[in-house]
Amino acid sequence: MAILCIFTGQGFTKQMYEDLKREVDWENKPPAGVMLHAAGLDDSGNIQVADLWESEQDFNNFVTTRLKAGFDKINAPMPDGQIYQVHNVNVFQGIDSYQRK
């Protein structure tokens, strides 16, 4: 069953996110089961992330095999997160403009 992961990175800045993205390289080597990844910054400059995964197992595999090592390497705090079973997903016109090219 698909899951939605919502993460709040208290003390996790845009620069840390860019360092982690480069280290883990999920854009060029997407992990199995990931369907969507979106990140933004709150008013305090902390990262907020929403991921959509095919299964919790796929997500956990990514965390244990790649993501945790990336956090350790850049010496950044792991964000707090919640996982929810997906009830509905809608994708609307215009989403293509935000996809990696």
PDB file of N, CA and C in Angstrom:
ATOM      1  N   MET A   1       0.833  -1.181   0.000  1.00  0.00           N
ATOM      2  CA  MET A   1       0.000   0.000   0.000  1.00  0.00           C
ATOM      3  C   MET A   1       0.878   1.244   0.000  1.00  0.00           C
ATOM      4  N   ALA A   2       0.490   2.241  -0.778  1.00  0.00           N
ATOM      5  CA  ALA A   2       1.247   3.485  -0.882  1.00  0.00           C
ATOM      6  C   ALA A   2       1.207   4.249   0.434  1.00  0.00           C
ATOM      7  N   ILE A   3       2.293   4.976   0.693  1.00  0.00           N
ATOM      8  CA  ILE A   3       2.388   5.783   1.907  1.00  0.00           C
ATOM      9  C   ILE A   3       2.799   7.211   1.560  1.00  0.00           C
ATOM     10  N   LEU A   4       2.397   8.120   2.439  1.00  0.00           N
ATOM     11  CA  LEU A   4       2.804   9.514   2.388  1.00  0.00           C
ATOM     12  C   LEU A   4       3.679   9.775   3.600  1.00  0.00           C
ATOM     13  N   CYS A   5       4.861  10.310   3.368  1.00  0.00           N
ATOM     14  CA  CYS A   5       5.792  10.637   4.449  1.00  0.00           C
ATOM     15  C   CYS A   5       5.927  12.155   4.523  1.00  0.00           C
ATOM     16  N   ILE A   6       5.703  12.699   5.693  1.00  0.00           N
ATOM     17  CA  ILE A   6       5.833  14.136   5.920  1.00  0.00           C
ATOM     18  C   ILE A   6       6.932  14.349   6.954  1.00  0.00           C
ATOM     19  N   PHE A   7       7.933  15.150   6.597  1.00  0.00           N
ATOM     20  CA  PHE A   7       9.081  15.370   7.480  1.00  0.00           C
ATOM     21  C   PHE A   7       9.268  16.847   7.762  1.00  0.00           C
ATOM     22  N   THR A   8       9.609  17.144   9.002  1.00  0.00           N
ATOM     23  CA  THR A   8       9.934  18.491   9.435  1.00  0.00           C
ATOM     24  C   THR A   8      11.370  18.487   9.919  1.00  0.00           C
ATOM     25  N   GLY A   9      12.201  19.242   9.246  1.00  0.00           N
ATOM     26  CA  GLY A   9      13.624  19.260   9.569  1.00  0.00           C
ATOM     27  C   GLY A   9      14.002  20.427  10.445  1.00  0.00           C
ATOM     28  N   GLN A  10      13.668  20.362  11.720  1.00  0.00           N
ATOM     29  CA  GLN A  10      14.054  21.416  12.665  1.00  0.00           C
ATOM     30  C   GLN A  10      15.576  21.495  12.705  1.00  0.00           C
ATOM     31  N   GLY A  11      16.135  22.639  12.369  1.00  0.00           N
ATOM     32  CA  GLY A  11      17.587  22.782  12.331  1.00  0.00           C
ATOM     33  C   GLY A  11      18.213  22.230  11.061  1.00  0.00           C
ATOM     34  N   PHE A  12      17.374  21.822  10.118  1.00  0.00           N
ATOM     35  CA  PHE A  12      17.855  21.275   8.844  1.00  0.00           C
ATOM     36  C   PHE A  12      17.623  22.327   7.766  1.00  0.00           C
ATOM     37  N   THR A  13      18.696  22.955   7.328  1.00  0.00           N
ATOM     38  CA  THR A  13      18.628  24.122   6.457  1.00  0.00           C
ATOM     39  C   THR A  13      18.611  23.749   4.970  1.00  0.00           C
ATOM     40  N   LYS A  14      18.367  24.754   4.150  1.00  0.00           N
ATOM     41  CA  LYS A  14      18.403  24.567   2.694  1.00  0.00           C
ATOM     42  C   LYS A  14      19.780  24.067   2.249  1.00  0.00           C
ATOM     43  N   GLN A  15      20.850  24.611   2.836  1.00  0.00           N
ATOM     44  CA  GLN A  15      22.194  24.164   2.453  1.00  0.00           C
ATOM     45  C   GLN A  15      22.419  22.700   2.822  1.00  0.00           C
ATOM     46  N   MET A  16      21.954  22.287   3.994  1.00  0.00           N
ATOM     47  CA  MET A  16      22.059  20.876   4.385  1.00  0.00           C
ATOM     48  C   MET A  16      21.278  19.997   3.402  1.00  0.00           C
ATOM     49  N   TYR A  17      20.094  20.455   3.012  1.00  0.00           N
ATOM     50  CA  TYR A  17      19.291  19.702   2.044  1.00  0.00           C
ATOM     51  C   TYR A  17      20.055  19.547   0.727  1.00  0.00           C
ATOM     52  N   GLU A  18      20.645  20.627   0.235  1.00  0.00           N
ATOM     53  CA  GLU A  18      21.407  20.572  -1.020  1.00  0.00           C
ATOM     54  C   GLU A  18      22.608  19.644  -0.886  1.00  0.00           C
ATOM     55  N   ASP A  19      23.292  19.679   0.255  1.00  0.00           N
ATOM     56  CA  ASP A  19      24.422  18.776   0.496  1.00  0.00           C
ATOM     57  C   ASP A  19      23.955  17.320   0.520  1.00  0.00           C
ATOM     58  N   LEU A  20      22.841  17.069   1.192  1.00  0.00           N
ATOM     59  CA  LEU A  20      22.307  15.708   1.275  1.00  0.00           C
ATOM     60  C   LEU A  20      21.864  15.220  -0.099  1.00  0.00           C
ATOM     61  N   LYS A  21      21.196  16.074  -0.848  1.00  0.00           N
ATOM     62  CA  LYS A  21      20.734  15.723  -2.196  1.00  0.00           C
ATOM     63  C   LYS A  21      21.916  15.329  -3.082  1.00  0.00           C
ATOM     64  N   ARG A  22      22.991  16.086  -2.991  1.00  0.00           N
ATOM     65  CA  ARG A  22      24.194  15.791  -3.782  1.00  0.00           C
ATOM     66  C   ARG A  22      24.834  14.484  -3.314  1.00  0.00           C
ATOM     67  N   GLU A  23      24.894  14.277  -1.997  1.00  0.00           N
ATOM     68  CA  GLU A  23      25.528  13.077  -1.434  1.00  0.00           C
ATOM     69  C   GLU A  23      24.752  11.810  -1.772  1.00  0.00           C
ATOM     70  N   VAL A  24      23.445  11.829  -1.600  1.00  0.00           N
ATOM     71  CA  VAL A  24      22.622  10.632  -1.809  1.00  0.00           C
ATOM     72  C   VAL A  24      22.277  10.450  -3.292  1.00  0.00           C
ATOM     73  N   ASP A  25      22.187  11.540  -4.030  1.00  0.00           N
ATOM     74  CA  ASP A  25      21.943  11.546  -5.482  1.00  0.00           C
ATOM     75  C   ASP A  25      20.640  10.851  -5.876  1.00  0.00           C
ATOM     76  N   TRP A  26      19.559  11.152  -5.129  1.00  0.00           N
ATOM     77  CA  TRP A  26      18.277  10.517  -5.433  1.00  0.00           C
ATOM     78  C   TRP A  26      17.665  11.013  -6.739  1.00  0.00           C
ATOM     79  N   GLU A  27      18.108  12.178  -7.234  1.00  0.00           N
ATOM     80  CA  GLU A  27      17.559  12.667  -8.498  1.00  0.00           C
ATOM     81  C   GLU A  27      18.067  11.852  -9.688  1.00  0.00           C
ATOM     82  N   ASN A  28      19.338  11.510  -9.675  1.00  0.00           N
ATOM     83  CA  ASN A  28      19.913  10.736 -10.778  1.00  0.00           C
ATOM     84  C   ASN A  28      19.796   9.236 -10.574  1.00  0.00           C
ATOM     85  N   LYS A  29      19.690   8.817  -9.317  1.00  0.00           N
ATOM     86  CA  LYS A  29      19.552   7.401  -8.975  1.00  0.00           C
ATOM     87  C   LYS A  29      18.364   7.248  -8.029  1.00  0.00           C
ATOM     88  N   PRO A  30      17.142   7.412  -8.567  1.00  0.00           N
ATOM     89  CA  PRO A  30      15.976   7.350  -7.684  1.00  0.00           C
ATOM     90  C   PRO A  30      15.843   5.983  -7.033  1.00  0.00           C
ATOM     91  N   PRO A  31      15.506   5.965  -5.761  1.00  0.00           N
ATOM     92  CA  PRO A  31      15.348   4.690  -5.058  1.00  0.00           C
ATOM     93  C   PRO A  31      14.093   3.958  -5.529  1.00  0.00           C
ATOM     94  N   ALA A  32      14.125   2.656  -5.422  1.00  0.00           N
ATOM     95  CA  ALA A  32      12.970   1.833  -5.791  1.00  0.00           C
ATOM     96  C   ALA A  32      11.772   2.249  -4.950  1.00  0.00           C
ATOM     97  N   GLY A  33      10.647   2.446  -5.607  1.00  0.00           N
ATOM     98  CA  GLY A  33       9.401   2.711  -4.904  1.00  0.00           C
ATOM     99  C   GLY A  33       9.056   4.165  -4.669  1.00  0.00           C
ATOM    100  N   VAL A  34       9.970   5.086  -4.912  1.00  0.00           N
ATOM    101  CA  VAL A  34       9.630   6.488  -4.710  1.00  0.00           C
ATOM    102  C   VAL A  34       8.797   6.974  -5.891  1.00  0.00           C
ATOM    103  N   MET A  35       7.729   7.703  -5.588  1.00  0.00           N
ATOM    104  CA  MET A  35       6.868   8.226  -6.650  1.00  0.00           C
ATOM    105  C   MET A  35       6.897   9.748  -6.711  1.00  0.00           C
ATOM    106  N   LEU A  36       7.106  10.396  -5.565  1.00  0.00           N
ATOM    107  CA  LEU A  36       7.098  11.850  -5.523  1.00  0.00           C
ATOM    108  C   LEU A  36       7.945  12.321  -4.362  1.00  0.00           C
ATOM    109  N   HIS A  37       8.679  13.393  -4.592  1.00  0.00           N
ATOM    110  CA  HIS A  37       9.450  14.039  -3.532  1.00  0.00           C
ATOM    111  C   HIS A  37       9.297  15.539  -3.728  1.00  0.00           C
ATOM    112  N   ALA A  38       8.871  16.235  -2.699  1.00  0.00           N
ATOM    113  CA  ALA A  38       8.759  17.697  -2.739  1.00  0.00           C
ATOM    114  C   ALA A  38       9.340  18.257  -1.462  1.00  0.00           C
ATOM    115  N   ALA A  39      10.090  19.348  -1.582  1.00  0.00           N
ATOM    116  CA  ALA A  39      10.702  19.982  -0.416  1.00  0.00           C
ATOM    117  C   ALA A  39      10.460  21.480  -0.476  1.00  0.00           C
ATOM    118  N   GLY A  40      10.262  22.069   0.688  1.00  0.00           N
ATOM    119  CA  GLY A  40      10.089  23.513   0.804  1.00  0.00           C
ATOM    120  C   GLY A  40      10.647  23.981   2.128  1.00  0.00           C
ATOM    121  N   LEU A  41      10.695  25.293   2.283  1.00  0.00           N
ATOM    122  CA  LEU A  41      11.229  25.887   3.507  1.00  0.00           C
ATOM    123  C   LEU A  41      10.126  26.623   4.242  1.00  0.00           C
ATOM    124  N   ASP A  42      10.102  26.485   5.571  1.00  0.00           N
ATOM    125  CA  ASP A  42       9.136  27.245   6.358  1.00  0.00           C
ATOM    126  C   ASP A  42       9.702  28.638   6.645  1.00  0.00           C
ATOM    127  N   ASP A  43       8.960  29.454   7.361  1.00  0.00           N
ATOM    128  CA  ASP A  43       9.368  30.834   7.638  1.00  0.00           C
ATOM    129  C   ASP A  43      10.654  30.935   8.450  1.00  0.00           C
ATOM    130  N   SER A  44      11.013  29.861   9.156  1.00  0.00           N
ATOM    131  CA  SER A  44      12.245  29.848   9.948  1.00  0.00           C
ATOM    132  C   SER A  44      13.443  29.325   9.167  1.00  0.00           C
ATOM    133  N   GLY A  45      13.229  28.898   7.919  1.00  0.00           N
ATOM    134  CA  GLY A  45      14.323  28.374   7.107  1.00  0.00           C
ATOM    135  C   GLY A  45      14.553  26.889   7.280  1.00  0.00           C
ATOM    136  N   ASN A  46      13.666  26.190   7.989  1.00  0.00           N
ATOM    137  CA  ASN A  46      13.772  24.744   8.158  1.00  0.00           C
ATOM    138  C   ASN A  46      13.086  24.032   6.999  1.00  0.00           C
ATOM    139  N   ILE A  47      13.650  22.918   6.593  1.00  0.00           N
ATOM    140  CA  ILE A  47      13.120  22.163   5.461  1.00  0.00           C
ATOM    141  C   ILE A  47      11.855  21.406   5.852  1.00  0.00           C
ATOM    142  N   GLN A  48      10.934  21.319   4.933  1.00  0.00           N
ATOM    143  CA  GLN A  48       9.705  20.533   5.063  1.00  0.00           C
ATOM    144  C   GLN A  48       9.651  19.640   3.832  1.00  0.00           C
ATOM    145  N   VAL A  49       9.418  18.351   4.021  1.00  0.00           N
ATOM    146  CA  VAL A  49       9.457  17.396   2.911  1.00  0.00           C
ATOM    147  C   VAL A  49       8.203  16.539   2.909  1.00  0.00           C
ATOM    148  N   ALA A  50       7.708  16.284   1.703  1.00  0.00           N
ATOM    149  CA  ALA A  50       6.604  15.341   1.501  1.00  0.00           C
ATOM    150  C   ALA A  50       7.042  14.337   0.440  1.00  0.00           C
ATOM    151  N   ASP A  51       6.956  13.069   0.774  1.00  0.00           N
ATOM    152  CA  ASP A  51       7.305  11.986  -0.149  1.00  0.00           C
ATOM    153  C   ASP A  51       6.114  11.063  -0.319  1.00  0.00           C
ATOM    154  N   LEU A  52       5.984  10.508  -1.499  1.00  0.00           N
ATOM    155  CA  LEU A  52       4.991   9.482  -1.784  1.00  0.00           C
ATOM    156  C   LEU A  52       5.751   8.236  -2.226  1.00  0.00           C
ATOM    157  N   TRP A  53       5.500   7.126  -1.544  1.00  0.00           N
ATOM    158  CA  TRP A  53       6.210   5.869  -1.795  1.00  0.00           C
ATOM    159  C   TRP A  53       5.207   4.756  -2.087  1.00  0.00           C
ATOM    160  N   GLU A  54       5.634   3.792  -2.885  1.00  0.00           N
ATOM    161  CA  GLU A  54       4.786   2.642  -3.188  1.00  0.00           C
ATOM    162  C   GLU A  54       4.503   1.803  -1.951  1.00  0.00           C
ATOM    163  N   SER A  55       5.475   1.748  -1.028  1.00  0.00           N
ATOM    164  CA  SER A  55       5.274   0.960   0.194  1.00  0.00           C
ATOM    165  C   SER A  55       6.198   1.460   1.295  1.00  0.00           C
ATOM    166  N   GLU A  56       5.837   1.147   2.525  1.00  0.00           N
ATOM    167  CA  GLU A  56       6.690   1.498   3.659  1.00  0.00           C
ATOM    168  C   GLU A  56       8.003   0.736   3.597  1.00  0.00           C
ATOM    169  N   GLN A  57       7.978  -0.484   3.083  1.00  0.00           N
ATOM    170  CA  GLN A  57       9.207  -1.264   2.943  1.00  0.00           C
ATOM    171  C   GLN A  57      10.184  -0.570   1.985  1.00  0.00           C
ATOM    172  N   ASP A  58       9.680  -0.055   0.853  1.00  0.00           N
ATOM    173  CA  ASP A  58      10.559   0.675  -0.067  1.00  0.00           C
ATOM    174  C   ASP A  58      11.186   1.879   0.627  1.00  0.00           C
ATOM    175  N   PHE A  59      10.375   2.619   1.361  1.00  0.00           N
ATOM    176  CA  PHE A  59      10.882   3.785   2.083  1.00  0.00           C
ATOM    177  C   PHE A  59      11.944   3.367   3.106  1.00  0.00           C
ATOM    178  N   ASN A  60      11.653   2.365   3.912  1.00  0.00           N
ATOM    179  CA  ASN A  60      12.603   1.904   4.923  1.00  0.00           C
ATOM    180  C   ASN A  60      13.896   1.403   4.299  1.00  0.00           C
ATOM    181  N   ASN A  61      13.807   0.726   3.166  1.00  0.00           N
ATOM    182  CA  ASN A  61      15.016   0.265   2.470  1.00  0.00           C
ATOM    183  C   ASN A  61      15.897   1.446   2.064  1.00  0.00           C
ATOM    184  N   PHE A  62      15.275   2.494   1.547  1.00  0.00           N
ATOM    185  CA  PHE A  62      16.023   3.679   1.145  1.00  0.00           C
ATOM    186  C   PHE A  62      16.690   4.340   2.355  1.00  0.00           C
ATOM    187  N   VAL A  63      15.955   4.469   3.438  1.00  0.00           N
ATOM    188  CA  VAL A  63      16.512   5.094   4.641  1.00  0.00           C
ATOM    189  C   VAL A  63      17.719   4.308   5.138  1.00  0.00           C
ATOM    190  N   THR A  64      17.584   2.992   5.238  1.00  0.00           N
ATOM    191  CA  THR A  64      18.665   2.190   5.828  1.00  0.00           C
ATOM    192  C   THR A  64      19.850   1.990   4.886  1.00  0.00           C
ATOM    193  N   THR A  65      19.616   1.953   3.576  1.00  0.00           N
ATOM    194  CA  THR A  65      20.719   1.677   2.663  1.00  0.00           C
ATOM    195  C   THR A  65      21.404   2.916   2.104  1.00  0.00           C
ATOM    196  N   ARG A  66      20.705   4.072   2.098  1.00  0.00           N
ATOM    197  CA  ARG A  66      21.307   5.265   1.497  1.00  0.00           C
ATOM    198  C   ARG A  66      21.139   6.541   2.303  1.00  0.00           C
ATOM    199  N   LEU A  67      19.935   6.820   2.747  1.00  0.00           N
ATOM    200  CA  LEU A  67      19.657   8.129   3.331  1.00  0.00           C
ATOM    201  C   LEU A  67      20.374   8.351   4.664  1.00  0.00           C
ATOM    202  N   LYS A  68      20.320   7.379   5.561  1.00  0.00           N
ATOM    203  CA  LYS A  68      20.966   7.532   6.871  1.00  0.00           C
ATOM    204  C   LYS A  68      22.459   7.796   6.713  1.00  0.00           C
ATOM    205  N   ALA A  69      23.105   7.081   5.801  1.00  0.00           N
ATOM    206  CA  ALA A  69      24.541   7.303   5.564  1.00  0.00           C
ATOM    207  C   ALA A  69      24.802   8.719   5.065  1.00  0.00           C
ATOM    208  N   GLY A  70      23.907   9.238   4.239  1.00  0.00           N
ATOM    209  CA  GLY A  70      24.047  10.606   3.760  1.00  0.00           C
ATOM    210  C   GLY A  70      23.931  11.612   4.892  1.00  0.00           C
ATOM    211  N   PHE A  71      22.939  11.422   5.776  1.00  0.00           N
ATOM    212  CA  PHE A  71      22.814  12.303   6.939  1.00  0.00           C
ATOM    213  C   PHE A  71      24.065  12.246   7.797  1.00  0.00           C
ATOM    214  N   ASP A  72      24.579  11.045   8.025  1.00  0.00           N
ATOM    215  CA  ASP A  72      25.794  10.894   8.835  1.00  0.00           C
ATOM    216  C   ASP A  72      26.981  11.605   8.191  1.00  0.00           C
ATOM    217  N   LYS A  73      27.106  11.471   6.869  1.00  0.00           N
ATOM    218  CA  LYS A  73      28.256  12.048   6.175  1.00  0.00           C
ATOM    219  C   LYS A  73      28.253  13.574   6.229  1.00  0.00           C
ATOM    220  N   ILE A  74      27.070  14.174   6.106  1.00  0.00           N
ATOM    221  CA  ILE A  74      27.026  15.641   6.148  1.00  0.00           C
ATOM    222  C   ILE A  74      26.820  16.162   7.570  1.00  0.00           C
ATOM    223  N   ASN A  75      26.733  15.244   8.527  1.00  0.00           N
ATOM    224  CA  ASN A  75      26.586  15.583   9.937  1.00  0.00           C
ATOM    225  C   ASN A  75      25.351  16.461  10.188  1.00  0.00           C
ATOM    226  N   ALA A  76      24.220  15.985   9.687  1.00  0.00           N
ATOM    227  CA  ALA A  76      22.964  16.724   9.822  1.00  0.00           C
ATOM    228  C   ALA A  76      21.970  15.916  10.654  1.00  0.00           C
ATOM    229  N   PRO A  77      21.076  16.609  11.343  1.00  0.00           N
ATOM    230  CA  PRO A  77      20.076  15.909  12.153  1.00  0.00           C
ATOM    231  C   PRO A  77      19.004  15.257  11.281  1.00  0.00           C
ATOM    232  N   MET A  78      18.582  14.068  11.665  1.00  0.00           N
ATOM    233  CA  MET A  78      17.459  13.419  10.977  1.00  0.00           C
ATOM    234  C   MET A  78      16.188  14.195  11.310  1.00  0.00           C
ATOM    235  N   PRO A  79      15.342  14.421  10.314  1.00  0.00           N
ATOM    236  CA  PRO A  79      14.108  15.160  10.579  1.00  0.00           C
ATOM    237  C   PRO A  79      13.078  14.299  11.301  1.00  0.00           C
ATOM    238  N   ASP A  80      12.159  14.974  11.967  1.00  0.00           N
ATOM    239  CA  ASP A  80      11.012  14.282  12.545  1.00  0.00           C
ATOM    240  C   ASP A  80      10.050  13.974  11.416  1.00  0.00           C
ATOM    241  N   GLY A  81       9.376  12.836  11.511  1.00  0.00           N
ATOM    242  CA  GLY A  81       8.476  12.481  10.427  1.00  0.00           C
ATOM    243  C   GLY A  81       7.284  11.662  10.861  1.00  0.00           C
ATOM    244  N   GLN A  82       6.318  11.664   9.997  1.00  0.00           N
ATOM    245  CA  GLN A  82       5.117  10.861  10.164  1.00  0.00           C
ATOM    246  C   GLN A  82       4.860  10.126   8.859  1.00  0.00           C
ATOM    247  N   ILE A  83       4.311   8.927   8.981  1.00  0.00           N
ATOM    248  CA  ILE A  83       3.971   8.117   7.805  1.00  0.00           C
ATOM    249  C   ILE A  83       2.480   7.833   7.857  1.00  0.00           C
ATOM    250  N   TYR A  84       1.831   8.028   6.711  1.00  0.00           N
ATOM    251  CA  TYR A  84       0.393   7.827   6.598  1.00  0.00           C
ATOM    252  C   TYR A  84       0.087   6.935   5.403  1.00  0.00           C
ATOM    253  N   GLN A  85      -0.911   6.082   5.528  1.00  0.00           N
ATOM    254  CA  GLN A  85      -1.383   5.325   4.370  1.00  0.00           C
ATOM    255  C   GLN A  85      -2.089   6.301   3.439  1.00  0.00           C
ATOM    256  N   VAL A  86      -1.838   6.159   2.154  1.00  0.00           N
ATOM    257  CA  VAL A  86      -2.427   7.060   1.168  1.00  0.00           C
ATOM    258  C   VAL A  86      -3.885   6.706   0.949  1.00  0.00           C
ATOM    259  N   HIS A  87      -4.705   7.708   0.967  1.00  0.00           N
ATOM    260  CA  HIS A  87      -6.131   7.555   0.681  1.00  0.00           C
ATOM    261  C   HIS A  87      -6.439   8.034  -0.734  1.00  0.00           C
ATOM    262  N   ASN A  88      -5.779   9.114  -1.166  1.00  0.00           N
ATOM    263  CA  ASN A  88      -6.073   9.699  -2.469  1.00  0.00           C
ATOM    264  C   ASN A  88      -4.859  10.477  -2.953  1.00  0.00           C
ATOM    265  N   VAL A  89      -4.624  10.449  -4.256  1.00  0.00           N
ATOM    266  CA  VAL A  89      -3.572  11.250  -4.876  1.00  0.00           C
ATOM    267  C   VAL A  89      -4.157  11.869  -6.147  1.00  0.00           C
ATOM    268  N   ASN A  90      -3.980  13.155  -6.296  1.00  0.00           N
ATOM    269  CA  ASN A  90      -4.364  13.854  -7.518  1.00  0.00           C
ATOM    270  C   ASN A  90      -3.130  14.559  -8.049  1.00  0.00           C
ATOM    271  N   VAL A  91      -2.922  14.487  -9.343  1.00  0.00           N
ATOM    272  CA  VAL A  91      -1.841  15.213  -9.999  1.00  0.00           C
ATOM    273  C   VAL A  91      -2.498  16.083 -11.066  1.00  0.00           C
ATOM    274  N   PHE A  92      -2.170  17.366 -11.047  1.00  0.00           N
ATOM    275  CA  PHE A  92      -2.854  18.304 -11.916  1.00  0.00           C
ATOM    276  C   PHE A  92      -1.917  18.906 -12.958  1.00  0.00           C
ATOM    277  N   GLN A  93      -2.541  19.522 -13.950  1.00  0.00           N
ATOM    278  CA  GLN A  93      -1.809  20.181 -15.018  1.00  0.00           C
ATOM    279  C   GLN A  93      -0.809  21.161 -14.411  1.00  0.00           C
ATOM    280  N   GLY A  94       0.359  21.222 -14.966  1.00  0.00           N
ATOM    281  CA  GLY A  94       1.395  22.119 -14.474  1.00  0.00           C
ATOM    282  C   GLY A  94       2.477  21.444 -13.672  1.00  0.00           C
ATOM    283  N   ILE A  95       2.231  20.210 -13.231  1.00  0.00           N
ATOM    284  CA  ILE A  95       3.225  19.508 -12.420  1.00  0.00           C
ATOM    285  C   ILE A  95       4.536  19.298 -13.182  1.00  0.00           C
ATOM    286  N   ASP A  96       4.439  19.165 -14.500  1.00  0.00           N
ATOM    287  CA  ASP A  96       5.633  18.930 -15.310  1.00  0.00           C
ATOM    288  C   ASP A  96       6.660  20.058 -15.166  1.00  0.00           C
ATOM    289  N   SER A  97       6.206  21.272 -14.892  1.00  0.00           N
ATOM    290  CA  SER A  97       7.136  22.390 -14.777  1.00  0.00           C
ATOM    291  C   SER A  97       8.036  22.280 -13.546  1.00  0.00           C
ATOM    292  N   TYR A  98       7.687  21.418 -12.595  1.00  0.00           N
ATOM    293  CA  TYR A  98       8.493  21.246 -11.386  1.00  0.00           C
ATOM    294  C   TYR A  98       9.364  19.994 -11.430  1.00  0.00           C
ATOM    295  N   GLN A  99       9.208  19.173 -12.446  1.00  0.00           N
ATOM    296  CA  GLN A  99      10.006  17.956 -12.532  1.00  0.00           C
ATOM    297  C   GLN A  99      11.430  18.288 -12.940  1.00  0.00           C
ATOM    298  N   ARG A 100      12.357  17.470 -12.448  1.00  0.00           N
ATOM    299  CA  ARG A 100      13.765  17.609 -12.812  1.00  0.00           C
ATOM    300  C   ARG A 100      13.914  17.376 -14.297  1.00  0.00           C
ATOM    301  N   LYS A 101      14.666  18.218 -14.934  1.00  0.00           N
ATOM    302  CA  LYS A 101      14.864  18.086 -16.387  1.00  0.00           C
ATOM    303  C   LYS A 101      16.230  17.586 -16.688  1.00  0.00           C
TER     304      LYS A 101
END
